[in-house]
């Protein structure tokens, strides 16, 4: 992984962590934490995906990808692969 990709993933992780803190009131997020275990609902998923699309592009995270593997670390990786920056 080059420095640019590492920086992008760090930026994505920071964005996702901030979004989850706002959505769930969580104080600490670990890579294994699950969107749904933290309290994610279908409405929260819509809000989260909308925020991701605004920041990283329309195809950065699909609902299917969120439901398939809702772990924080996995979501960051998927967005990193799909982001249109």
N, C-alpha and C. Protein backbone atom coordinates (compact mmCIF):
# COMPACT_ATOMS: atom_id res chain seq x y z
N UNK A 1 0.86 -1.18 0.00
CA UNK A 1 0.00 0.00 0.00
C UNK A 1 0.90 1.24 0.00
N UNK A 2 0.67 2.16 -0.92
CA UNK A 2 1.49 3.36 -0.98
C UNK A 2 1.01 4.40 0.03
N UNK A 3 1.81 5.45 0.20
CA UNK A 3 1.49 6.48 1.19
C UNK A 3 0.16 7.18 0.91
N UNK A 4 -0.14 7.37 -0.39
CA UNK A 4 -1.42 8.01 -0.74
C UNK A 4 -2.61 7.18 -0.32
N UNK A 5 -2.53 5.87 -0.55
CA UNK A 5 -3.63 4.97 -0.16
C UNK A 5 -3.74 4.91 1.36
N UNK A 6 -2.60 4.88 2.06
CA UNK A 6 -2.60 4.85 3.51
C UNK A 6 -3.26 6.11 4.07
N UNK A 7 -2.93 7.26 3.49
CA UNK A 7 -3.53 8.52 3.92
C UNK A 7 -5.02 8.53 3.64
N UNK A 8 -5.42 8.03 2.46
CA UNK A 8 -6.84 7.96 2.12
C UNK A 8 -7.58 7.09 3.12
N UNK A 9 -7.04 5.90 3.42
CA UNK A 9 -7.71 5.01 4.37
C UNK A 9 -7.81 5.64 5.75
N UNK A 10 -6.80 6.39 6.16
CA UNK A 10 -6.85 7.08 7.45
C UNK A 10 -7.96 8.14 7.43
N UNK A 11 -8.05 8.88 6.33
CA UNK A 11 -9.10 9.89 6.20
C UNK A 11 -10.49 9.24 6.22
N UNK A 12 -10.61 8.12 5.53
CA UNK A 12 -11.89 7.41 5.50
C UNK A 12 -12.23 6.91 6.90
N UNK A 13 -11.25 6.31 7.57
CA UNK A 13 -11.48 5.80 8.93
C UNK A 13 -11.92 6.93 9.86
N UNK A 14 -11.29 8.07 9.76
CA UNK A 14 -11.68 9.21 10.60
C UNK A 14 -13.10 9.67 10.29
N UNK A 15 -13.45 9.70 9.00
CA UNK A 15 -14.80 10.12 8.61
C UNK A 15 -15.84 9.13 9.12
N UNK A 16 -15.59 7.82 8.92
CA UNK A 16 -16.54 6.80 9.36
C UNK A 16 -16.66 6.82 10.89
N UNK A 17 -15.55 6.94 11.57
CA UNK A 17 -15.60 6.98 13.05
C UNK A 17 -16.43 8.16 13.54
N UNK A 18 -16.23 9.33 12.95
CA UNK A 18 -17.01 10.51 13.33
C UNK A 18 -18.50 10.29 13.06
N UNK A 19 -18.81 9.72 11.90
CA UNK A 19 -20.22 9.46 11.56
C UNK A 19 -20.84 8.50 12.55
N UNK A 20 -20.11 7.43 12.91
CA UNK A 20 -20.65 6.46 13.85
C UNK A 20 -20.82 7.06 15.24
N UNK A 21 -19.90 7.91 15.65
CA UNK A 21 -20.04 8.56 16.95
C UNK A 21 -21.31 9.42 16.97
N UNK A 22 -21.56 10.12 15.88
CA UNK A 22 -22.76 10.96 15.79
C UNK A 22 -24.03 10.12 15.74
N UNK A 23 -24.00 9.03 14.97
CA UNK A 23 -25.19 8.19 14.83
C UNK A 23 -25.51 7.41 16.10
N UNK A 24 -24.47 6.89 16.76
CA UNK A 24 -24.69 5.95 17.85
C UNK A 24 -24.29 6.47 19.23
N UNK A 25 -23.63 7.61 19.29
CA UNK A 25 -23.16 8.11 20.57
C UNK A 25 -22.02 7.27 21.13
N UNK A 26 -21.34 6.53 20.27
CA UNK A 26 -20.24 5.67 20.70
C UNK A 26 -19.03 6.52 21.06
N UNK A 27 -18.30 6.08 22.07
CA UNK A 27 -17.12 6.83 22.47
C UNK A 27 -15.84 6.23 21.91
N UNK A 28 -15.82 4.95 21.70
CA UNK A 28 -14.63 4.29 21.14
C UNK A 28 -15.08 3.31 20.07
N UNK A 29 -14.43 3.36 18.93
CA UNK A 29 -14.76 2.47 17.81
C UNK A 29 -13.54 1.61 17.53
N UNK A 30 -13.76 0.30 17.47
CA UNK A 30 -12.69 -0.65 17.13
C UNK A 30 -12.93 -1.18 15.72
N UNK A 31 -11.87 -1.66 15.05
CA UNK A 31 -12.03 -2.19 13.69
C UNK A 31 -13.05 -3.32 13.58
N UNK A 32 -13.25 -4.06 14.65
CA UNK A 32 -14.20 -5.18 14.60
C UNK A 32 -15.63 -4.79 14.97
N UNK A 33 -15.84 -3.55 15.41
CA UNK A 33 -17.19 -3.12 15.77
C UNK A 33 -18.10 -3.15 14.56
N UNK A 34 -19.32 -3.62 14.78
CA UNK A 34 -20.31 -3.76 13.71
C UNK A 34 -21.31 -2.61 13.74
N UNK A 35 -21.61 -2.11 12.56
CA UNK A 35 -22.61 -1.05 12.40
C UNK A 35 -23.90 -1.43 13.12
N UNK A 36 -24.34 -2.65 12.95
CA UNK A 36 -25.63 -3.06 13.51
C UNK A 36 -25.54 -3.38 15.00
N UNK A 37 -24.42 -3.90 15.46
CA UNK A 37 -24.26 -4.17 16.88
C UNK A 37 -24.21 -2.89 17.70
N UNK A 38 -23.75 -1.82 17.08
CA UNK A 38 -23.70 -0.53 17.77
C UNK A 38 -25.07 0.16 17.80
N UNK A 39 -26.04 -0.39 17.09
CA UNK A 39 -27.37 0.19 17.09
C UNK A 39 -27.87 0.62 15.73
N UNK A 40 -27.14 0.25 14.67
CA UNK A 40 -27.53 0.63 13.33
C UNK A 40 -28.88 0.05 12.92
N UNK A 41 -29.69 0.88 12.31
CA UNK A 41 -31.00 0.49 11.79
C UNK A 41 -31.00 0.77 10.29
N UNK A 42 -32.06 0.41 9.63
CA UNK A 42 -32.15 0.70 8.20
C UNK A 42 -32.14 2.21 7.94
N UNK A 43 -32.78 2.97 8.80
CA UNK A 43 -32.77 4.44 8.65
C UNK A 43 -31.38 5.01 8.89
N UNK A 44 -30.68 4.48 9.90
CA UNK A 44 -29.31 4.92 10.16
C UNK A 44 -28.41 4.56 8.98
N UNK A 45 -28.66 3.40 8.36
CA UNK A 45 -27.88 2.98 7.20
C UNK A 45 -28.06 3.96 6.05
N UNK A 46 -29.28 4.41 5.82
CA UNK A 46 -29.55 5.39 4.76
C UNK A 46 -28.79 6.68 5.03
N UNK A 47 -28.85 7.17 6.27
CA UNK A 47 -28.13 8.40 6.62
C UNK A 47 -26.62 8.23 6.45
N UNK A 48 -26.11 7.09 6.90
CA UNK A 48 -24.68 6.83 6.82
C UNK A 48 -24.22 6.73 5.37
N UNK A 49 -24.92 5.96 4.56
CA UNK A 49 -24.53 5.79 3.16
C UNK A 49 -24.63 7.12 2.42
N UNK A 50 -25.63 7.92 2.72
CA UNK A 50 -25.76 9.24 2.10
C UNK A 50 -24.56 10.11 2.43
N UNK A 51 -24.13 10.09 3.69
CA UNK A 51 -22.95 10.87 4.09
C UNK A 51 -21.70 10.37 3.38
N UNK A 52 -21.56 9.06 3.26
CA UNK A 52 -20.41 8.47 2.58
C UNK A 52 -20.42 8.88 1.10
N UNK A 53 -21.58 8.83 0.46
CA UNK A 53 -21.68 9.21 -0.96
C UNK A 53 -21.30 10.66 -1.17
N UNK A 54 -21.73 11.53 -0.28
CA UNK A 54 -21.40 12.95 -0.40
C UNK A 54 -19.89 13.19 -0.30
N UNK A 55 -19.25 12.45 0.58
CA UNK A 55 -17.83 12.66 0.84
C UNK A 55 -16.92 11.92 -0.14
N UNK A 56 -17.31 10.68 -0.53
CA UNK A 56 -16.40 9.82 -1.28
C UNK A 56 -16.92 9.35 -2.64
N UNK A 57 -18.09 9.81 -3.04
CA UNK A 57 -18.64 9.46 -4.35
C UNK A 57 -19.81 8.50 -4.27
N UNK A 58 -20.62 8.50 -5.33
CA UNK A 58 -21.87 7.75 -5.33
C UNK A 58 -21.72 6.24 -5.16
N UNK A 59 -20.64 5.68 -5.62
CA UNK A 59 -20.48 4.23 -5.53
C UNK A 59 -19.52 3.81 -4.43
N UNK A 60 -19.26 4.68 -3.46
CA UNK A 60 -18.27 4.39 -2.42
C UNK A 60 -18.71 3.25 -1.50
N UNK A 61 -20.01 3.16 -1.20
CA UNK A 61 -20.52 2.10 -0.32
C UNK A 61 -21.98 1.83 -0.67
N UNK A 62 -22.25 0.62 -1.08
CA UNK A 62 -23.64 0.25 -1.40
C UNK A 62 -24.30 -0.34 -0.16
N UNK A 63 -25.63 -0.33 -0.12
CA UNK A 63 -26.32 -0.99 0.99
C UNK A 63 -25.92 -2.47 1.11
N UNK A 64 -25.75 -3.13 -0.02
CA UNK A 64 -25.38 -4.55 0.01
C UNK A 64 -24.03 -4.75 0.69
N UNK A 65 -23.08 -3.86 0.40
CA UNK A 65 -21.75 -3.96 1.01
C UNK A 65 -21.82 -3.71 2.52
N UNK A 66 -22.65 -2.78 2.93
CA UNK A 66 -22.81 -2.51 4.35
C UNK A 66 -23.42 -3.71 5.07
N UNK A 67 -24.45 -4.29 4.48
CA UNK A 67 -25.12 -5.44 5.11
C UNK A 67 -24.26 -6.71 5.06
N UNK A 68 -23.46 -6.85 4.00
CA UNK A 68 -22.64 -8.05 3.84
C UNK A 68 -21.56 -8.15 4.91
N UNK A 69 -20.89 -7.04 5.20
CA UNK A 69 -19.83 -7.05 6.22
C UNK A 69 -19.84 -5.70 6.92
N UNK A 70 -20.62 -5.57 7.99
CA UNK A 70 -20.82 -4.27 8.65
C UNK A 70 -19.73 -3.88 9.64
N UNK A 71 -18.60 -4.60 9.68
CA UNK A 71 -17.51 -4.25 10.59
C UNK A 71 -16.83 -2.95 10.15
N UNK A 72 -16.45 -2.14 11.10
CA UNK A 72 -15.82 -0.85 10.83
C UNK A 72 -14.64 -0.99 9.87
N UNK A 73 -13.73 -1.89 10.17
CA UNK A 73 -12.54 -2.06 9.33
C UNK A 73 -12.88 -2.47 7.92
N UNK A 74 -13.86 -3.33 7.76
CA UNK A 74 -14.28 -3.79 6.44
C UNK A 74 -14.91 -2.66 5.64
N UNK A 75 -15.72 -1.86 6.31
CA UNK A 75 -16.37 -0.73 5.63
C UNK A 75 -15.33 0.27 5.15
N UNK A 76 -14.34 0.56 5.98
CA UNK A 76 -13.26 1.48 5.59
C UNK A 76 -12.54 0.94 4.36
N UNK A 77 -12.27 -0.36 4.34
CA UNK A 77 -11.58 -0.97 3.19
C UNK A 77 -12.41 -0.88 1.92
N UNK A 78 -13.70 -1.17 2.02
CA UNK A 78 -14.58 -1.12 0.85
C UNK A 78 -14.65 0.31 0.30
N UNK A 79 -14.81 1.28 1.17
CA UNK A 79 -14.87 2.66 0.72
C UNK A 79 -13.55 3.04 0.05
N UNK A 80 -12.43 2.60 0.62
CA UNK A 80 -11.12 2.89 0.05
C UNK A 80 -10.97 2.34 -1.36
N UNK A 81 -11.54 1.16 -1.62
CA UNK A 81 -11.48 0.56 -2.95
C UNK A 81 -12.42 1.25 -3.93
N UNK A 82 -13.57 1.69 -3.43
CA UNK A 82 -14.62 2.23 -4.31
C UNK A 82 -14.62 3.75 -4.46
N UNK A 83 -13.94 4.45 -3.58
CA UNK A 83 -14.01 5.92 -3.55
C UNK A 83 -13.59 6.53 -4.88
N UNK A 84 -14.31 7.55 -5.27
CA UNK A 84 -13.98 8.26 -6.52
C UNK A 84 -13.40 9.63 -6.16
N UNK A 85 -12.14 9.62 -5.80
CA UNK A 85 -11.46 10.86 -5.42
C UNK A 85 -10.41 11.23 -6.42
